[in-house]
């Protein structure tokens, strides 16, 4: 298991975002050399966890619980076959393109050591948006990505550190609850009846998922 590439984005003006300045950092490219990764701060004020990476729409992206986004090269390869086009590392706006790691199947609260220092913790799957669809140029992409539920994973920073392409990834903690990033994604999108089941992941859940699940359970009881 390893990081194939570390990918950073720069602000670019586009027509397909509703971000206030009309810019996005979703078009991420592999970079050479070490990149520092730290907890960026609360959502809405903190941006991305990787130094030099542009996170432009702080309403929906960035913050401690979405500090890093990882996507598996194997899932990109699967999409290449389905879409009939090549997808470079970073094509999905991921910071880390991995190899040999089931990212969408990672458990909420699962911890990865990346390289010598960095420790990350899985918080949620990635929900597709208009900007993602516009970036790929695929009609109906939001629905298609949602249906497949190969979401990749958002991660929070437990221990900061430097990373680079080729760094090994080691799973250093794996919870026993069975709630994966893909299951969490389905619970907050197409299968809301799963929301009570994700609560077993506890405080490791993305706070927005935890709030949704608690409200759902309360409404069912009400």
N, C-alpha and C. Protein backbone atom coordinates (compact mmCIF):
# COMPACT_ATOMS: atom_id res chain seq x y z
N UNK A 1 0.85 -1.19 0.00
CA UNK A 1 0.00 0.00 0.00
C UNK A 1 0.89 1.24 0.00
N UNK A 2 0.59 2.15 -0.91
CA UNK A 2 1.43 3.34 -0.98
C UNK A 2 0.69 4.50 -1.62
N UNK A 3 1.32 5.68 -1.52
CA UNK A 3 0.85 6.87 -2.20
C UNK A 3 1.50 6.91 -3.57
N UNK A 4 0.70 6.83 -4.61
CA UNK A 4 1.24 6.95 -5.97
C UNK A 4 1.62 8.39 -6.28
N UNK A 5 0.78 9.33 -5.87
CA UNK A 5 1.09 10.74 -6.10
C UNK A 5 0.43 11.60 -5.04
N UNK A 6 1.10 12.72 -4.75
CA UNK A 6 0.55 13.78 -3.92
C UNK A 6 0.16 14.89 -4.88
N UNK A 7 -1.11 15.34 -4.82
CA UNK A 7 -1.66 16.23 -5.83
C UNK A 7 -2.13 17.55 -5.21
N UNK A 8 -1.73 18.64 -5.81
CA UNK A 8 -2.11 19.97 -5.33
C UNK A 8 -2.80 20.74 -6.45
N UNK A 9 -3.70 21.65 -6.05
CA UNK A 9 -4.41 22.47 -7.02
C UNK A 9 -4.10 23.94 -6.82
N UNK A 10 -4.29 24.70 -7.88
CA UNK A 10 -4.15 26.15 -7.86
C UNK A 10 -5.48 26.78 -8.23
N UNK A 11 -5.79 27.95 -7.70
CA UNK A 11 -7.08 28.58 -8.03
C UNK A 11 -7.19 28.87 -9.53
N UNK A 12 -8.30 28.45 -10.12
CA UNK A 12 -8.53 28.69 -11.53
C UNK A 12 -9.95 29.19 -11.74
N UNK A 13 -10.14 30.22 -12.57
CA UNK A 13 -11.50 30.68 -12.88
C UNK A 13 -12.20 29.70 -13.81
N UNK A 14 -13.44 29.35 -13.47
CA UNK A 14 -14.22 28.43 -14.29
C UNK A 14 -15.66 28.90 -14.34
N UNK A 15 -16.41 28.35 -15.27
CA UNK A 15 -17.81 28.75 -15.42
C UNK A 15 -18.77 27.87 -14.65
N UNK A 16 -18.26 26.77 -14.08
CA UNK A 16 -19.16 25.76 -13.50
C UNK A 16 -19.15 25.71 -11.98
N UNK A 17 -18.74 26.79 -11.33
CA UNK A 17 -18.80 26.82 -9.87
C UNK A 17 -19.63 28.01 -9.41
N UNK A 18 -20.27 27.85 -8.25
CA UNK A 18 -20.99 28.97 -7.66
C UNK A 18 -20.21 29.59 -6.51
N UNK A 19 -18.92 29.28 -6.43
CA UNK A 19 -18.05 29.94 -5.46
C UNK A 19 -18.03 31.43 -5.75
N UNK A 20 -17.97 32.24 -4.71
CA UNK A 20 -18.18 33.69 -4.83
C UNK A 20 -17.30 34.35 -5.89
N UNK A 21 -16.02 33.95 -5.94
CA UNK A 21 -15.10 34.55 -6.91
C UNK A 21 -15.05 33.78 -8.24
N UNK A 22 -15.82 32.71 -8.33
CA UNK A 22 -15.84 31.92 -9.55
C UNK A 22 -14.57 31.13 -9.81
N UNK A 23 -13.90 30.70 -8.72
CA UNK A 23 -12.65 29.95 -8.89
C UNK A 23 -12.75 28.62 -8.16
N UNK A 24 -11.91 27.68 -8.57
CA UNK A 24 -11.87 26.37 -7.93
C UNK A 24 -10.43 25.84 -7.96
N UNK A 25 -10.13 24.98 -7.00
CA UNK A 25 -8.83 24.31 -6.96
C UNK A 25 -8.94 22.83 -7.23
N UNK A 26 -10.04 22.39 -7.88
CA UNK A 26 -10.29 20.96 -8.05
C UNK A 26 -9.32 20.31 -9.03
N UNK A 27 -8.75 21.07 -9.94
CA UNK A 27 -7.85 20.49 -10.94
C UNK A 27 -6.46 20.30 -10.33
N UNK A 28 -6.27 19.19 -9.66
CA UNK A 28 -5.03 18.95 -8.91
C UNK A 28 -4.04 18.13 -9.75
N UNK A 29 -2.75 18.47 -9.58
CA UNK A 29 -1.68 17.84 -10.34
C UNK A 29 -0.65 17.26 -9.38
N UNK A 30 -0.02 16.13 -9.77
CA UNK A 30 1.05 15.56 -8.95
C UNK A 30 2.22 16.54 -8.81
N UNK A 31 2.83 16.52 -7.63
CA UNK A 31 3.97 17.40 -7.36
C UNK A 31 5.15 16.57 -6.87
N UNK A 32 6.35 17.09 -7.09
CA UNK A 32 7.56 16.46 -6.59
C UNK A 32 7.90 17.03 -5.21
N UNK A 33 8.72 16.28 -4.50
CA UNK A 33 9.22 16.79 -3.23
C UNK A 33 8.23 16.62 -2.09
N UNK A 34 8.67 16.86 -0.86
CA UNK A 34 7.79 16.68 0.30
C UNK A 34 6.75 17.78 0.41
N UNK A 35 5.58 17.41 0.92
CA UNK A 35 4.49 18.35 1.17
C UNK A 35 4.11 18.24 2.64
N UNK A 36 4.04 19.36 3.32
CA UNK A 36 3.65 19.38 4.73
C UNK A 36 2.14 19.25 4.86
N UNK A 37 1.68 18.38 5.77
CA UNK A 37 0.25 18.17 6.01
C UNK A 37 -0.05 18.44 7.48
N UNK A 38 -0.99 19.36 7.73
CA UNK A 38 -1.39 19.73 9.09
C UNK A 38 -2.90 19.89 9.15
N UNK A 39 -3.44 19.93 10.36
CA UNK A 39 -4.86 20.21 10.55
C UNK A 39 -5.11 21.69 10.23
N UNK A 40 -6.03 22.00 9.31
CA UNK A 40 -6.17 23.38 8.85
C UNK A 40 -7.05 24.28 9.71
N UNK A 41 -7.83 23.68 10.63
CA UNK A 41 -8.76 24.48 11.43
C UNK A 41 -10.20 24.16 11.06
N UNK A 42 -11.15 24.78 11.74
CA UNK A 42 -12.57 24.45 11.55
C UNK A 42 -13.04 24.71 10.12
N UNK A 43 -14.03 23.92 9.71
CA UNK A 43 -14.64 24.13 8.41
C UNK A 43 -15.25 25.52 8.33
N UNK A 44 -15.06 26.17 7.21
CA UNK A 44 -15.56 27.52 7.04
C UNK A 44 -14.49 28.57 7.21
N UNK A 45 -13.44 28.20 7.95
CA UNK A 45 -12.31 29.11 8.10
C UNK A 45 -11.01 28.42 7.70
N UNK A 46 -10.88 27.13 8.06
CA UNK A 46 -9.70 26.37 7.66
C UNK A 46 -9.86 25.86 6.23
N UNK A 47 -8.78 25.87 5.47
CA UNK A 47 -8.84 25.40 4.08
C UNK A 47 -8.40 23.94 4.03
N UNK A 48 -7.43 23.60 3.17
CA UNK A 48 -6.98 22.23 3.05
C UNK A 48 -5.81 21.93 3.96
N UNK A 49 -5.55 20.65 4.14
CA UNK A 49 -4.49 20.25 5.04
C UNK A 49 -3.11 20.22 4.41
N UNK A 50 -3.03 20.26 3.08
CA UNK A 50 -1.74 20.17 2.40
C UNK A 50 -1.23 21.56 2.07
N UNK A 51 -0.03 21.84 2.45
CA UNK A 51 0.58 23.13 2.15
C UNK A 51 0.65 23.34 0.64
N UNK A 52 0.18 24.49 0.19
CA UNK A 52 0.23 24.82 -1.23
C UNK A 52 -0.97 24.37 -2.02
N UNK A 53 -1.96 23.74 -1.37
CA UNK A 53 -3.15 23.28 -2.07
C UNK A 53 -4.27 24.29 -1.93
N UNK A 54 -4.89 24.66 -3.04
CA UNK A 54 -5.98 25.64 -3.02
C UNK A 54 -7.31 24.96 -2.71
N UNK A 55 -7.97 25.43 -1.67
CA UNK A 55 -9.35 25.06 -1.37
C UNK A 55 -10.14 26.36 -1.40
N UNK A 56 -10.97 26.53 -2.41
CA UNK A 56 -11.56 27.84 -2.68
C UNK A 56 -12.94 28.05 -2.07
N UNK A 57 -13.75 27.00 -2.04
CA UNK A 57 -15.12 27.12 -1.53
C UNK A 57 -15.17 26.54 -0.12
N UNK A 58 -14.96 27.41 0.87
CA UNK A 58 -14.89 26.95 2.25
C UNK A 58 -16.25 26.59 2.83
N UNK A 59 -17.32 26.87 2.11
CA UNK A 59 -18.64 26.45 2.59
C UNK A 59 -18.76 24.93 2.59
N UNK A 60 -18.15 24.28 1.61
CA UNK A 60 -18.34 22.84 1.42
C UNK A 60 -17.07 22.02 1.53
N UNK A 61 -15.92 22.68 1.48
CA UNK A 61 -14.66 21.95 1.41
C UNK A 61 -13.68 22.46 2.48
N UNK A 62 -12.69 21.62 2.76
CA UNK A 62 -11.67 22.00 3.72
C UNK A 62 -12.14 21.86 5.16
N UNK A 63 -11.28 22.28 6.07
CA UNK A 63 -11.55 22.14 7.49
C UNK A 63 -10.97 20.86 8.04
N UNK A 64 -10.93 20.77 9.35
CA UNK A 64 -10.25 19.66 10.01
C UNK A 64 -10.77 18.29 9.61
N UNK A 65 -12.08 18.17 9.38
CA UNK A 65 -12.67 16.86 9.09
C UNK A 65 -12.63 16.51 7.61
N UNK A 66 -12.17 17.44 6.79
CA UNK A 66 -11.98 17.21 5.35
C UNK A 66 -10.62 17.77 4.94
N UNK A 67 -9.63 17.51 5.78
CA UNK A 67 -8.30 18.09 5.56
C UNK A 67 -7.60 17.49 4.36
N UNK A 68 -7.86 16.21 4.09
CA UNK A 68 -7.20 15.47 3.02
C UNK A 68 -8.25 14.63 2.31
N UNK A 69 -8.15 14.55 0.99
CA UNK A 69 -9.03 13.66 0.23
C UNK A 69 -8.18 12.64 -0.51
N UNK A 70 -8.51 11.36 -0.32
CA UNK A 70 -7.77 10.27 -0.94
C UNK A 70 -8.68 9.49 -1.89
N UNK A 71 -8.10 9.04 -3.00
CA UNK A 71 -8.85 8.21 -3.94
C UNK A 71 -7.92 7.13 -4.48
N UNK A 72 -8.47 5.94 -4.65
CA UNK A 72 -7.67 4.79 -5.07
C UNK A 72 -7.45 4.79 -6.58
N UNK A 73 -6.21 4.52 -6.98
CA UNK A 73 -5.90 4.39 -8.40
C UNK A 73 -6.74 3.28 -9.03
N UNK A 74 -7.02 2.23 -8.26
CA UNK A 74 -7.82 1.13 -8.78
C UNK A 74 -9.23 1.60 -9.16
N UNK A 75 -9.80 2.52 -8.38
CA UNK A 75 -11.12 3.05 -8.71
C UNK A 75 -11.05 3.99 -9.91
N UNK A 76 -9.97 4.77 -10.02
CA UNK A 76 -9.78 5.58 -11.23
C UNK A 76 -9.67 4.70 -12.47
N UNK A 77 -8.95 3.58 -12.34
CA UNK A 77 -8.83 2.65 -13.47
C UNK A 77 -10.20 2.08 -13.87
N UNK A 78 -11.02 1.78 -12.87
CA UNK A 78 -12.36 1.26 -13.14
C UNK A 78 -13.19 2.31 -13.87
N UNK A 79 -13.08 3.57 -13.43
CA UNK A 79 -13.80 4.65 -14.11
C UNK A 79 -13.26 4.85 -15.53
N UNK A 80 -11.97 4.68 -15.73
CA UNK A 80 -11.41 4.79 -17.09
C UNK A 80 -12.10 3.80 -18.03
N UNK A 81 -12.24 2.57 -17.57
CA UNK A 81 -12.89 1.55 -18.40
C UNK A 81 -14.36 1.91 -18.66
N UNK A 82 -15.03 2.42 -17.64
CA UNK A 82 -16.45 2.74 -17.79
C UNK A 82 -16.68 3.97 -18.66
N UNK A 83 -15.84 4.97 -18.52
CA UNK A 83 -16.02 6.23 -19.26
C UNK A 83 -15.34 6.21 -20.62
N UNK A 84 -14.40 5.27 -20.82
CA UNK A 84 -13.70 5.21 -22.08
C UNK A 84 -12.74 6.35 -22.31
N UNK A 85 -12.09 6.81 -21.25
CA UNK A 85 -11.14 7.92 -21.33
C UNK A 85 -10.10 7.76 -20.24
N UNK A 86 -8.96 8.40 -20.41
CA UNK A 86 -7.91 8.31 -19.40
C UNK A 86 -8.17 9.31 -18.28
N UNK A 87 -7.78 8.93 -17.08
CA UNK A 87 -7.92 9.77 -15.89
C UNK A 87 -6.59 9.80 -15.17
N UNK A 88 -5.93 10.92 -15.21
CA UNK A 88 -4.63 11.06 -14.55
C UNK A 88 -4.81 11.11 -13.03
N UNK A 89 -3.75 10.81 -12.30
CA UNK A 89 -3.77 11.00 -10.85
C UNK A 89 -4.14 12.45 -10.55
N UNK A 90 -5.07 12.63 -9.61
CA UNK A 90 -5.55 13.96 -9.28
C UNK A 90 -6.79 14.36 -10.04
N UNK A 91 -7.25 13.54 -11.00
CA UNK A 91 -8.40 13.90 -11.84
C UNK A 91 -9.67 14.14 -11.05
N UNK A 92 -9.82 13.44 -9.93
CA UNK A 92 -11.03 13.59 -9.12
C UNK A 92 -10.86 14.66 -8.03
N UNK A 93 -9.78 15.43 -8.12
CA UNK A 93 -9.52 16.45 -7.12
C UNK A 93 -8.96 15.89 -5.84
N UNK A 94 -8.42 14.66 -5.93
CA UNK A 94 -7.88 14.03 -4.72
C UNK A 94 -6.48 14.54 -4.42
N UNK A 95 -6.19 14.68 -3.14
CA UNK A 95 -4.84 15.04 -2.70
C UNK A 95 -3.89 13.87 -2.77
N UNK A 96 -4.40 12.68 -2.46
CA UNK A 96 -3.59 11.47 -2.46
C UNK A 96 -4.21 10.46 -3.41
N UNK A 97 -3.45 10.03 -4.39
CA UNK A 97 -3.85 8.89 -5.21
C UNK A 97 -3.09 7.69 -4.69
N UNK A 98 -3.84 6.67 -4.26
CA UNK A 98 -3.23 5.53 -3.56
C UNK A 98 -3.20 4.29 -4.45
N UNK A 99 -2.39 3.34 -4.03
CA UNK A 99 -2.33 2.04 -4.69
C UNK A 99 -2.35 0.94 -3.64
N UNK A 100 -3.17 -0.08 -3.87
CA UNK A 100 -3.23 -1.22 -2.96
C UNK A 100 -4.05 -0.98 -1.71
N UNK A 101 -4.84 0.07 -1.69
CA UNK A 101 -5.61 0.44 -0.49
C UNK A 101 -7.07 0.60 -0.88
N UNK A 102 -7.97 -0.09 -0.18
CA UNK A 102 -9.41 0.02 -0.44
C UNK A 102 -9.91 1.28 0.26
N UNK A 103 -9.84 2.40 -0.44
CA UNK A 103 -10.15 3.68 0.19
C UNK A 103 -11.63 3.81 0.49
N UNK A 104 -12.50 3.51 -0.47
CA UNK A 104 -13.94 3.61 -0.22
C UNK A 104 -14.41 2.60 0.81
N UNK A 105 -13.68 1.49 0.93
CA UNK A 105 -14.01 0.47 1.91
C UNK A 105 -13.34 0.67 3.25
N UNK A 106 -12.61 1.77 3.40
CA UNK A 106 -11.97 2.06 4.68
C UNK A 106 -13.04 2.39 5.73
N UNK A 107 -12.77 2.02 6.96
CA UNK A 107 -13.74 2.24 8.04
C UNK A 107 -13.63 3.64 8.60
N UNK A 108 -14.77 4.20 8.95
CA UNK A 108 -14.76 5.49 9.65
C UNK A 108 -13.97 5.33 10.95
N UNK A 109 -12.99 6.19 11.14
CA UNK A 109 -12.11 6.07 12.31
C UNK A 109 -10.86 5.26 12.06
N UNK A 110 -10.78 4.64 10.89
CA UNK A 110 -9.56 3.92 10.52
C UNK A 110 -8.39 4.91 10.40
N UNK A 111 -7.22 4.51 10.90
CA UNK A 111 -6.08 5.41 10.87
C UNK A 111 -4.97 4.86 10.00
N UNK A 112 -4.39 5.75 9.21
CA UNK A 112 -3.30 5.40 8.31
C UNK A 112 -2.05 6.18 8.70
N UNK A 113 -0.93 5.49 8.75
CA UNK A 113 0.36 6.19 8.82
C UNK A 113 0.90 6.29 7.40
N UNK A 114 1.15 7.51 6.97
CA UNK A 114 1.64 7.76 5.63
C UNK A 114 3.06 8.30 5.74
N UNK A 115 4.01 7.56 5.22
CA UNK A 115 5.39 7.96 5.39
C UNK A 115 5.83 7.76 6.83
N UNK A 116 6.78 8.56 7.27
CA UNK A 116 7.36 8.36 8.60
C UNK A 116 6.59 9.06 9.70
N UNK A 117 5.85 10.13 9.39
CA UNK A 117 5.29 10.98 10.44
C UNK A 117 3.77 11.09 10.42
N UNK A 118 3.21 11.25 9.26
CA UNK A 118 1.80 11.65 9.15
C UNK A 118 0.86 10.52 9.54
N UNK A 119 -0.14 10.83 10.38
CA UNK A 119 -1.22 9.89 10.70
C UNK A 119 -2.54 10.56 10.36
N UNK A 120 -3.35 9.89 9.55
CA UNK A 120 -4.64 10.38 9.10
C UNK A 120 -5.75 9.46 9.59
N UNK A 121 -6.96 10.02 9.73
CA UNK A 121 -8.11 9.25 10.18
C UNK A 121 -9.29 9.47 9.24
N UNK A 122 -9.90 8.38 8.80
CA UNK A 122 -11.02 8.44 7.86
C UNK A 122 -12.26 9.02 8.55
N UNK A 123 -12.91 9.98 7.87
CA UNK A 123 -14.10 10.62 8.45
C UNK A 123 -15.36 10.41 7.63
N UNK A 124 -15.23 10.33 6.29
CA UNK A 124 -16.43 10.32 5.44
C UNK A 124 -16.07 10.03 4.00
N UNK A 125 -17.09 9.66 3.23
CA UNK A 125 -16.94 9.60 1.79
C UNK A 125 -17.19 10.97 1.18
N UNK A 126 -16.77 11.16 -0.05
CA UNK A 126 -16.90 12.45 -0.74
C UNK A 126 -18.23 12.54 -1.47
N UNK A 127 -18.99 13.60 -1.23
CA UNK A 127 -20.25 13.84 -1.92
C UNK A 127 -19.97 14.66 -3.17
N UNK A 128 -20.41 14.20 -4.34
CA UNK A 128 -20.13 14.93 -5.58
C UNK A 128 -20.94 16.22 -5.68
N UNK A 129 -20.41 17.17 -6.42
CA UNK A 129 -21.05 18.48 -6.54
C UNK A 129 -21.01 18.96 -7.98
N UNK A 130 -21.63 20.09 -8.21
CA UNK A 130 -21.67 20.69 -9.55
C UNK A 130 -20.27 20.97 -10.09
N UNK A 131 -19.38 21.42 -9.23
CA UNK A 131 -18.03 21.72 -9.67
C UNK A 131 -17.31 20.46 -10.15
N UNK A 132 -17.48 19.37 -9.42
CA UNK A 132 -16.90 18.08 -9.81
C UNK A 132 -17.41 17.66 -11.18
N UNK A 133 -18.72 17.81 -11.39
CA UNK A 133 -19.31 17.44 -12.67
C UNK A 133 -18.76 18.32 -13.80
N UNK A 134 -18.68 19.62 -13.55
CA UNK A 134 -18.16 20.52 -14.57
C UNK A 134 -16.71 20.26 -14.88
N UNK A 135 -15.93 19.94 -13.86
CA UNK A 135 -14.52 19.66 -14.04
C UNK A 135 -14.30 18.44 -14.94
N UNK A 136 -15.09 17.39 -14.73
CA UNK A 136 -14.94 16.18 -15.54
C UNK A 136 -15.61 16.31 -16.91
N UNK A 137 -16.62 17.16 -17.01
CA UNK A 137 -17.32 17.31 -18.28
C UNK A 137 -18.18 16.12 -18.65
N UNK A 138 -18.68 15.42 -17.66
CA UNK A 138 -19.53 14.25 -17.89
C UNK A 138 -20.98 14.59 -17.50
N UNK A 139 -21.90 14.49 -18.44
CA UNK A 139 -23.31 14.75 -18.15
C UNK A 139 -23.84 13.72 -17.16
N UNK A 140 -24.62 14.19 -16.20
CA UNK A 140 -25.21 13.29 -15.22
C UNK A 140 -24.20 12.72 -14.25
N UNK A 141 -23.03 13.37 -14.12
CA UNK A 141 -21.95 12.80 -13.33
C UNK A 141 -22.32 12.66 -11.85
N UNK A 142 -23.00 13.65 -11.29
CA UNK A 142 -23.34 13.60 -9.86
C UNK A 142 -24.15 12.34 -9.56
N UNK A 143 -25.16 12.06 -10.38
CA UNK A 143 -25.97 10.87 -10.16
C UNK A 143 -25.17 9.60 -10.41
N UNK A 144 -24.32 9.63 -11.40
CA UNK A 144 -23.54 8.43 -11.75
C UNK A 144 -22.54 8.09 -10.64
N UNK A 145 -21.84 9.10 -10.15
CA UNK A 145 -20.88 8.90 -9.07
C UNK A 145 -21.59 8.44 -7.80
N UNK A 146 -22.76 9.02 -7.53
CA UNK A 146 -23.52 8.65 -6.34
C UNK A 146 -23.99 7.21 -6.43
N UNK A 147 -24.45 6.81 -7.59
CA UNK A 147 -24.95 5.44 -7.76
C UNK A 147 -23.83 4.42 -7.56
N UNK A 148 -22.65 4.71 -8.02
CA UNK A 148 -21.53 3.78 -7.91
C UNK A 148 -21.00 3.69 -6.48
N UNK A 149 -21.01 4.83 -5.77
CA UNK A 149 -20.58 4.90 -4.36
C UNK A 149 -19.13 4.49 -4.15
N UNK A 150 -18.30 4.67 -5.18
CA UNK A 150 -16.85 4.53 -5.00
C UNK A 150 -16.33 5.92 -4.64
N UNK A 151 -16.48 6.26 -3.39
CA UNK A 151 -16.45 7.65 -2.95
C UNK A 151 -15.05 8.20 -2.67
N UNK A 152 -14.07 7.32 -2.45
CA UNK A 152 -12.84 7.80 -1.84
C UNK A 152 -13.12 8.17 -0.39
N UNK A 153 -12.18 8.82 0.25
CA UNK A 153 -12.35 9.13 1.68
C UNK A 153 -11.75 10.47 2.03
N UNK A 154 -12.50 11.22 2.83
CA UNK A 154 -11.96 12.39 3.51
C UNK A 154 -11.27 11.92 4.79
N UNK A 155 -10.22 12.65 5.16
CA UNK A 155 -9.45 12.29 6.35
C UNK A 155 -9.11 13.53 7.16
N UNK A 156 -9.04 13.34 8.49
CA UNK A 156 -8.54 14.38 9.39
C UNK A 156 -7.10 14.06 9.77
N UNK A 157 -6.37 15.06 10.19
CA UNK A 157 -4.96 14.90 10.55
C UNK A 157 -4.86 14.64 12.05
N UNK A 158 -4.34 13.47 12.41
CA UNK A 158 -4.12 13.11 13.80
C UNK A 158 -2.71 13.52 14.24
N UNK A 159 -1.74 13.23 13.41
CA UNK A 159 -0.36 13.65 13.65
C UNK A 159 0.17 14.27 12.36
N UNK A 160 0.59 15.53 12.38
CA UNK A 160 1.07 16.19 11.17
C UNK A 160 2.40 15.60 10.70
N UNK A 161 2.73 15.87 9.45
CA UNK A 161 4.00 15.39 8.92
C UNK A 161 4.15 15.71 7.46
N UNK A 162 5.30 15.38 6.92
CA UNK A 162 5.58 15.57 5.50
C UNK A 162 5.36 14.26 4.75
N UNK A 163 4.85 14.39 3.53
CA UNK A 163 4.64 13.22 2.68
C UNK A 163 5.14 13.51 1.28
N UNK A 164 5.34 12.45 0.52
CA UNK A 164 5.77 12.58 -0.87
C UNK A 164 5.29 11.35 -1.64
N UNK A 165 5.27 11.47 -2.94
CA UNK A 165 4.90 10.34 -3.78
C UNK A 165 5.80 9.15 -3.48
N UNK A 166 5.18 7.96 -3.42
CA UNK A 166 5.91 6.74 -3.13
C UNK A 166 5.93 6.35 -1.67
N UNK A 167 5.45 7.23 -0.78
CA UNK A 167 5.43 6.89 0.64
C UNK A 167 4.54 5.68 0.90
N UNK A 168 4.98 4.79 1.80
CA UNK A 168 4.12 3.67 2.17
C UNK A 168 2.94 4.13 3.03
N UNK A 169 1.86 3.38 2.94
CA UNK A 169 0.68 3.61 3.79
C UNK A 169 0.48 2.36 4.64
N UNK A 170 0.39 2.57 5.94
CA UNK A 170 0.17 1.46 6.87
C UNK A 170 -1.11 1.74 7.66
N UNK A 171 -2.00 0.75 7.71
CA UNK A 171 -3.19 0.88 8.55
C UNK A 171 -2.78 0.56 9.99
N UNK A 172 -2.82 1.57 10.85
CA UNK A 172 -2.35 1.39 12.22
C UNK A 172 -3.50 1.21 13.21
N UNK A 173 -4.72 1.47 12.78
CA UNK A 173 -5.89 1.24 13.64
C UNK A 173 -7.09 0.98 12.75
N UNK A 174 -7.82 -0.07 13.06
CA UNK A 174 -9.01 -0.42 12.28
C UNK A 174 -10.13 -0.76 13.25
N UNK A 175 -11.16 0.10 13.34
CA UNK A 175 -12.27 -0.15 14.27
C UNK A 175 -13.03 -1.43 13.92
N UNK A 176 -13.87 -1.86 14.84
CA UNK A 176 -14.62 -3.11 14.66
C UNK A 176 -16.07 -2.89 14.27
N UNK A 177 -16.49 -1.62 14.07
CA UNK A 177 -17.91 -1.36 13.87
C UNK A 177 -18.41 -1.67 12.46
N UNK A 178 -17.57 -1.72 11.44
CA UNK A 178 -17.99 -2.09 10.10
C UNK A 178 -18.57 -0.97 9.25
N UNK A 179 -18.56 0.27 9.74
CA UNK A 179 -19.10 1.40 8.97
C UNK A 179 -18.01 1.95 8.06
N UNK A 180 -18.14 1.71 6.78
CA UNK A 180 -17.15 2.16 5.81
C UNK A 180 -17.48 3.56 5.30
N UNK A 181 -16.51 4.16 4.61
CA UNK A 181 -16.76 5.46 3.99
C UNK A 181 -17.89 5.35 2.97
N UNK A 182 -17.93 4.25 2.23
CA UNK A 182 -18.99 4.06 1.24
C UNK A 182 -20.36 3.91 1.91
N UNK A 183 -20.42 3.21 3.03
CA UNK A 183 -21.69 3.06 3.74
C UNK A 183 -22.15 4.40 4.30
N UNK A 184 -21.24 5.15 4.90
CA UNK A 184 -21.57 6.48 5.40
C UNK A 184 -22.12 7.35 4.27
N UNK A 185 -21.49 7.27 3.09
CA UNK A 185 -21.92 8.03 1.92
C UNK A 185 -23.35 7.65 1.54
N UNK A 186 -23.62 6.37 1.47
CA UNK A 186 -24.97 5.92 1.10
C UNK A 186 -25.99 6.39 2.13
N UNK A 187 -25.59 6.39 3.39
CA UNK A 187 -26.52 6.80 4.45
C UNK A 187 -26.93 8.26 4.33
N UNK A 188 -26.03 9.12 3.88
CA UNK A 188 -26.37 10.54 3.80
C UNK A 188 -26.87 10.94 2.42
N UNK A 189 -26.93 9.97 1.48
CA UNK A 189 -27.41 10.30 0.13
C UNK A 189 -28.64 9.47 -0.24
N UNK A 190 -28.45 8.23 -0.63
CA UNK A 190 -29.53 7.45 -1.23
C UNK A 190 -30.21 6.46 -0.29
N UNK A 191 -29.60 6.15 0.85
CA UNK A 191 -30.15 5.13 1.75
C UNK A 191 -30.18 5.67 3.18
N UNK A 192 -31.04 6.63 3.40
CA UNK A 192 -31.05 7.30 4.70
C UNK A 192 -31.48 6.37 5.85
N UNK A 193 -32.08 5.25 5.50
CA UNK A 193 -32.42 4.27 6.53
C UNK A 193 -31.17 3.68 7.19
N UNK A 194 -30.02 3.90 6.59
CA UNK A 194 -28.76 3.44 7.19
C UNK A 194 -28.24 4.38 8.27
N UNK A 195 -28.80 5.57 8.36
CA UNK A 195 -28.26 6.55 9.30
C UNK A 195 -28.18 6.05 10.74
N UNK A 196 -29.19 5.35 11.27
CA UNK A 196 -29.04 4.85 12.65
C UNK A 196 -27.85 3.90 12.80
N UNK A 197 -27.55 3.15 11.76
CA UNK A 197 -26.48 2.16 11.85
C UNK A 197 -25.10 2.79 11.88
N UNK A 198 -24.95 3.98 11.27
CA UNK A 198 -23.62 4.59 11.25
C UNK A 198 -23.24 5.18 12.60
N UNK A 199 -24.21 5.33 13.48
CA UNK A 199 -23.93 5.94 14.79
C UNK A 199 -22.94 5.13 15.62
N UNK A 200 -22.77 3.85 15.30
CA UNK A 200 -21.81 3.05 16.07
C UNK A 200 -20.38 3.54 15.86
N UNK A 201 -20.15 4.33 14.81
CA UNK A 201 -18.82 4.89 14.58
C UNK A 201 -18.51 6.05 15.52
N UNK A 202 -19.54 6.56 16.19
CA UNK A 202 -19.35 7.54 17.26
C UNK A 202 -18.66 8.82 16.82
N UNK A 203 -17.75 9.29 17.67
CA UNK A 203 -17.10 10.58 17.46
C UNK A 203 -16.19 10.61 16.25
N UNK A 204 -15.86 9.43 15.70
CA UNK A 204 -15.02 9.41 14.50
C UNK A 204 -15.77 9.88 13.26
N UNK A 205 -17.10 9.87 13.31
CA UNK A 205 -17.90 10.34 12.18
C UNK A 205 -17.63 11.82 11.91
N UNK A 206 -17.75 12.20 10.65
CA UNK A 206 -17.77 13.61 10.30
C UNK A 206 -18.91 14.26 11.09
N UNK A 207 -18.69 15.42 11.72
CA UNK A 207 -19.74 16.03 12.55
C UNK A 207 -21.06 16.24 11.82
N UNK A 208 -21.02 16.53 10.53
CA UNK A 208 -22.25 16.73 9.78
C UNK A 208 -23.03 15.43 9.64
N UNK A 209 -22.34 14.32 9.48
CA UNK A 209 -23.01 13.02 9.43
C UNK A 209 -23.60 12.68 10.78
N UNK A 210 -22.84 12.92 11.83
CA UNK A 210 -23.34 12.64 13.17
C UNK A 210 -24.61 13.43 13.45
N UNK A 211 -24.63 14.68 13.07
CA UNK A 211 -25.82 15.52 13.28
C UNK A 211 -27.00 14.99 12.48
N UNK A 212 -26.77 14.63 11.22
CA UNK A 212 -27.85 14.09 10.39
C UNK A 212 -28.41 12.80 10.97
N UNK A 213 -27.53 11.92 11.43
CA UNK A 213 -27.98 10.65 11.97
C UNK A 213 -28.80 10.84 13.25
N UNK A 214 -28.35 11.72 14.12
CA UNK A 214 -29.08 11.98 15.36
C UNK A 214 -30.45 12.59 15.09
N UNK A 215 -30.52 13.49 14.13
CA UNK A 215 -31.82 14.11 13.78
C UNK A 215 -32.76 13.06 13.17
N UNK A 216 -32.20 12.17 12.35
CA UNK A 216 -33.01 11.12 11.73
C UNK A 216 -33.60 10.21 12.79
N UNK A 217 -32.76 9.78 13.72
CA UNK A 217 -33.22 8.88 14.78
C UNK A 217 -34.28 9.57 15.64
N UNK A 218 -34.08 10.83 15.96
CA UNK A 218 -35.04 11.57 16.77
C UNK A 218 -36.38 11.68 16.05
N UNK A 219 -36.33 11.93 14.74
CA UNK A 219 -37.57 12.06 13.96
C UNK A 219 -38.30 10.72 13.90
N UNK A 220 -37.56 9.62 13.77
CA UNK A 220 -38.19 8.30 13.72
C UNK A 220 -38.87 7.97 15.04
N UNK A 221 -38.26 8.41 16.12
CA UNK A 221 -38.85 8.15 17.44
C UNK A 221 -40.02 9.09 17.73
N UNK A 222 -39.97 10.27 17.09
CA UNK A 222 -40.95 11.32 17.40
C UNK A 222 -42.34 11.04 16.89
